[in-house]
């Protein structure tokens, strides 16, 4: 295995809890109900796809959902810009160091917009950790379609069977499986049984995934 593709939100950055909190605040502002199950149903989707899904859930016109999302995105932007602590998840720096030392190809493939990705990777100073970065703006079909992962694998010139894809959502894992790569769940908000079943391997943290790679390396040398 010589290629790692990371999802961003909830996988390498601890942002999904922020996003869920802002959904709750937005729901309260507009006077509708919102719960974790609703949040998980839209995880990994492009914004335009999640807008359509939200219109179905709340039985409102898409234009109203766009108004809601504008409020939501402004709320999130303000929180992300003003958050002083690092959002990198436990073990991220050590994992990247391990991968770089072993010349892994590393991609970031997120359903977030390019604007959101740029904000976060520059804020966390991790842009140079990746050989390529793909966003929702680079694809037509969002997860669970494998398009974004297929593009990443092709750009890196690698074999899908030699690629780990790290995700935190069921839509992301489905996309990884459709891409015929090795799907990895890094636990975050979505720890439903149906989500865990989609993953080839499951880890509590990036730290645990690095330990797995180290064990695999030792076995190969034995």
Protein backbone atom coordinates (compact mmCIF):
# COMPACT_ATOMS: atom_id res chain seq x y z
CA UNK A 1 0.00 0.00 0.00
CA UNK A 2 1.54 3.30 -1.04
CA UNK A 3 -1.31 5.78 -1.28
CA UNK A 4 -3.54 7.43 1.30
CA UNK A 5 -6.60 9.51 0.45
CA UNK A 6 -8.05 11.51 3.32
CA UNK A 7 -11.48 12.98 3.71
CA UNK A 8 -11.24 16.27 5.62
CA UNK A 9 -14.16 17.06 7.93
CA UNK A 10 -14.44 14.59 10.76
CA UNK A 11 -11.54 12.51 9.47
CA UNK A 12 -8.44 14.68 9.87
CA UNK A 13 -10.09 17.82 11.28
CA UNK A 14 -12.41 17.91 14.27
CA UNK A 15 -15.02 20.03 12.50
CA UNK A 16 -18.11 17.82 12.37
CA UNK A 17 -18.99 18.60 15.98
CA UNK A 18 -18.85 22.30 15.10
CA UNK A 19 -21.03 21.71 12.05
CA UNK A 20 -23.58 19.79 14.10
CA UNK A 21 -23.69 22.55 16.73
CA UNK A 22 -24.25 25.18 14.03
CA UNK A 23 -27.06 23.08 12.54
CA UNK A 24 -28.78 23.03 15.94
CA UNK A 25 -28.40 26.80 16.28
CA UNK A 26 -29.66 27.35 12.74
CA UNK A 27 -32.64 25.06 13.27
CA UNK A 28 -33.57 26.99 16.41
CA UNK A 29 -33.27 30.30 14.53
CA UNK A 30 -35.59 29.15 11.73
CA UNK A 31 -37.96 27.23 14.00
CA UNK A 32 -37.54 23.64 12.81
CA UNK A 33 -36.29 20.41 14.38
CA UNK A 34 -32.89 18.95 13.61
CA UNK A 35 -31.15 15.93 15.12
CA UNK A 36 -28.02 13.85 14.72
CA UNK A 37 -29.70 11.36 12.39
CA UNK A 38 -30.51 14.20 9.99
CA UNK A 39 -26.92 15.44 10.20
CA UNK A 40 -25.51 12.01 9.43
CA UNK A 41 -27.81 11.62 6.42
CA UNK A 42 -26.15 14.58 4.68
CA UNK A 43 -22.54 13.93 5.75
CA UNK A 44 -20.22 13.67 2.76
CA UNK A 45 -22.64 15.26 0.31
CA UNK A 46 -21.89 18.30 -1.82
CA UNK A 47 -23.71 21.39 -0.63
CA UNK A 48 -26.10 21.38 -3.60
CA UNK A 49 -26.98 17.72 -2.93
CA UNK A 50 -27.48 18.30 0.78
CA UNK A 51 -29.69 21.29 -0.10
CA UNK A 52 -31.97 19.02 -2.12
CA UNK A 53 -32.06 16.47 0.69
CA UNK A 54 -32.86 19.16 3.26
CA UNK A 55 -35.73 20.40 1.09
CA UNK A 56 -37.16 16.86 1.20
CA UNK A 57 -36.66 16.47 4.94
CA UNK A 58 -38.24 19.80 5.89
CA UNK A 59 -40.76 19.80 3.04
CA UNK A 60 -39.85 23.31 1.95
CA UNK A 61 -38.77 24.87 -1.33
CA UNK A 62 -35.08 24.67 -2.24
CA UNK A 63 -34.93 28.47 -2.21
CA UNK A 64 -35.83 28.43 1.50
CA UNK A 65 -33.15 25.82 2.17
CA UNK A 66 -30.63 28.04 0.38
CA UNK A 67 -31.57 30.86 2.76
CA UNK A 68 -31.09 28.49 5.69
CA UNK A 69 -27.74 27.30 4.35
CA UNK A 70 -26.52 30.86 3.84
CA UNK A 71 -27.22 31.57 7.51
CA UNK A 72 -25.58 28.26 8.46
CA UNK A 73 -22.46 28.86 6.35
CA UNK A 74 -21.97 32.37 7.75
CA UNK A 75 -22.26 30.98 11.27
CA UNK A 76 -19.72 28.26 10.53
CA UNK A 77 -17.32 30.62 8.82
CA UNK A 78 -17.26 32.94 11.83
CA UNK A 79 -16.62 30.06 14.22
CA UNK A 80 -13.87 28.52 12.08
CA UNK A 81 -12.10 31.83 11.51
CA UNK A 82 -12.19 32.74 15.20
CA UNK A 83 -11.33 29.33 16.67
CA UNK A 84 -7.89 29.61 18.24
CA UNK A 85 -7.23 25.94 18.97
CA UNK A 86 -5.96 23.55 16.34
CA UNK A 87 -8.67 21.44 14.74
CA UNK A 88 -6.32 18.64 13.76
CA UNK A 89 -7.46 15.30 15.15
CA UNK A 90 -5.36 13.26 17.54
CA UNK A 91 -2.41 11.61 15.85
CA UNK A 92 -2.61 13.59 12.61
CA UNK A 93 0.89 15.11 12.70
CA UNK A 94 2.53 11.82 13.67
CA UNK A 95 0.66 9.95 10.91
CA UNK A 96 1.67 12.46 8.24
CA UNK A 97 5.29 12.31 9.41
CA UNK A 98 5.19 8.49 9.20
CA UNK A 99 3.72 8.58 5.68
CA UNK A 100 6.16 11.19 4.41
CA UNK A 101 9.14 9.21 5.70
CA UNK A 102 7.94 6.23 3.68
CA UNK A 103 7.17 8.20 0.52
CA UNK A 104 3.44 7.60 0.49
CA UNK A 105 1.40 9.57 -2.01
CA UNK A 106 -1.13 11.60 -0.03
CA UNK A 107 -4.34 13.18 -1.29
CA UNK A 108 -7.14 15.19 0.29
CA UNK A 109 -10.55 14.53 -1.26
CA UNK A 110 -13.35 16.42 0.45
CA UNK A 111 -16.96 17.18 -0.36
CA UNK A 112 -16.47 20.66 1.06
CA UNK A 113 -16.13 23.65 -1.24
CA UNK A 114 -12.71 24.81 -2.36
CA UNK A 115 -13.23 27.97 -0.31
CA UNK A 116 -13.87 26.02 2.89
CA UNK A 117 -10.94 23.67 2.26
CA UNK A 118 -8.57 26.55 1.56
CA UNK A 119 -9.65 28.26 4.77
CA UNK A 120 -9.02 25.19 6.90
CA UNK A 121 -5.83 23.79 5.36
CA UNK A 122 -4.19 27.21 5.48
CA UNK A 123 -5.42 27.91 9.00
CA UNK A 124 -3.97 24.59 10.15
CA UNK A 125 -0.86 24.98 7.95
CA UNK A 126 -1.28 21.54 6.39
CA UNK A 127 -1.55 22.39 2.68
CA UNK A 128 1.90 21.00 1.94
CA UNK A 129 1.01 17.68 3.55
CA UNK A 130 -0.85 16.69 0.38
CA UNK A 131 0.28 15.91 -3.14
CA UNK A 132 -3.15 16.88 -4.45
CA UNK A 133 -6.29 18.44 -2.98
CA UNK A 134 -9.73 17.84 -4.50
CA UNK A 135 -12.95 19.59 -3.53
CA UNK A 136 -16.64 19.54 -4.39
CA UNK A 137 -15.81 22.11 -7.07
CA UNK A 138 -13.71 19.53 -8.93
CA UNK A 139 -16.44 16.95 -9.45
CA UNK A 140 -19.91 16.49 -10.90
CA UNK A 141 -21.09 13.58 -8.76
CA UNK A 142 -20.69 13.72 -4.98
CA UNK A 143 -20.15 10.87 -2.55
CA UNK A 144 -21.42 8.14 -2.39
CA UNK A 145 -20.41 8.30 -6.05
CA UNK A 146 -16.68 7.38 -6.28
CA UNK A 147 -15.82 10.14 -8.77
CA UNK A 148 -13.66 12.21 -6.41
CA UNK A 149 -11.64 9.17 -5.33
CA UNK A 150 -11.24 7.87 -8.88
CA UNK A 151 -9.88 11.26 -9.94
CA UNK A 152 -7.45 11.31 -7.01
CA UNK A 153 -6.15 7.81 -7.75
CA UNK A 154 -5.74 8.64 -11.44
CA UNK A 155 -3.94 11.91 -10.74
CA UNK A 156 -1.53 10.16 -8.41
CA UNK A 157 -0.94 7.45 -11.01
CA UNK A 158 -1.50 4.64 -8.55
CA UNK A 159 -3.39 1.37 -8.28
CA UNK A 160 -6.76 1.52 -6.51
CA UNK A 161 -5.94 -1.80 -4.85
CA UNK A 162 -2.94 -0.11 -3.22
CA UNK A 163 -4.92 2.80 -1.84
CA UNK A 164 -6.31 3.41 1.62
CA UNK A 165 -9.24 5.84 1.80
CA UNK A 166 -9.91 7.29 5.25
CA UNK A 167 -13.45 8.48 5.92
CA UNK A 168 -15.82 9.25 8.78
CA UNK A 169 -19.20 9.05 7.00
CA UNK A 170 -21.29 6.32 5.43
CA UNK A 171 -21.47 8.19 2.12
CA UNK A 172 -17.69 8.48 2.03
CA UNK A 173 -17.19 4.80 2.82
CA UNK A 174 -19.66 3.78 0.12
CA UNK A 175 -17.71 5.91 -2.36
CA UNK A 176 -14.43 4.33 -1.26
CA UNK A 177 -15.85 0.83 -1.76
CA UNK A 178 -17.20 1.73 -5.19
CA UNK A 179 -13.71 2.99 -6.08
CA UNK A 180 -12.41 -0.52 -5.18
CA UNK A 181 -9.96 0.91 -2.65
CA UNK A 182 -9.46 -0.08 1.00
CA UNK A 183 -12.14 1.75 2.99
CA UNK A 184 -11.13 2.91 6.46
CA UNK A 185 -13.50 4.35 9.05
CA UNK A 186 -12.01 6.82 11.51
CA UNK A 187 -14.71 7.08 14.15
CA UNK A 188 -16.29 10.48 14.69
CA UNK A 189 -20.00 11.34 14.94
CA UNK A 190 -21.20 8.45 12.79
CA UNK A 191 -20.69 5.18 14.64
CA UNK A 192 -23.91 3.52 13.54
CA UNK A 193 -23.72 -0.22 12.85
CA UNK A 194 -24.63 0.33 9.20
CA UNK A 195 -21.70 2.73 8.83
CA UNK A 196 -19.21 0.43 10.54
CA UNK A 197 -20.29 -2.41 8.21
CA UNK A 198 -19.35 -0.31 5.17
CA UNK A 199 -15.71 -0.10 6.29
CA UNK A 200 -13.03 -2.66 5.54
CA UNK A 201 -11.17 -1.53 8.67
CA UNK A 202 -12.29 0.59 11.63
CA UNK A 203 -10.14 2.68 13.97
CA UNK A 204 -10.91 4.92 16.91
CA UNK A 205 -8.33 7.50 15.85
CA UNK A 206 -5.63 8.42 13.36
CA UNK A 207 -3.16 7.39 16.04
CA UNK A 208 -4.57 3.87 15.98
CA UNK A 209 -4.41 3.76 12.19
CA UNK A 210 -0.71 4.69 12.29
CA UNK A 211 -0.11 1.86 14.75
CA UNK A 212 -1.82 -0.50 12.31
CA UNK A 213 0.51 0.64 9.51
CA UNK A 214 3.50 0.12 11.76
CA UNK A 215 2.35 -3.41 12.58
CA UNK A 216 1.87 -4.17 8.88
CA UNK A 217 5.36 -2.88 8.18
CA UNK A 218 6.90 -5.06 10.87
CA UNK A 219 5.08 -8.13 9.56
CA UNK A 220 6.40 -7.48 6.07
CA UNK A 221 9.94 -7.37 7.37
CA UNK A 222 9.61 -10.53 9.51
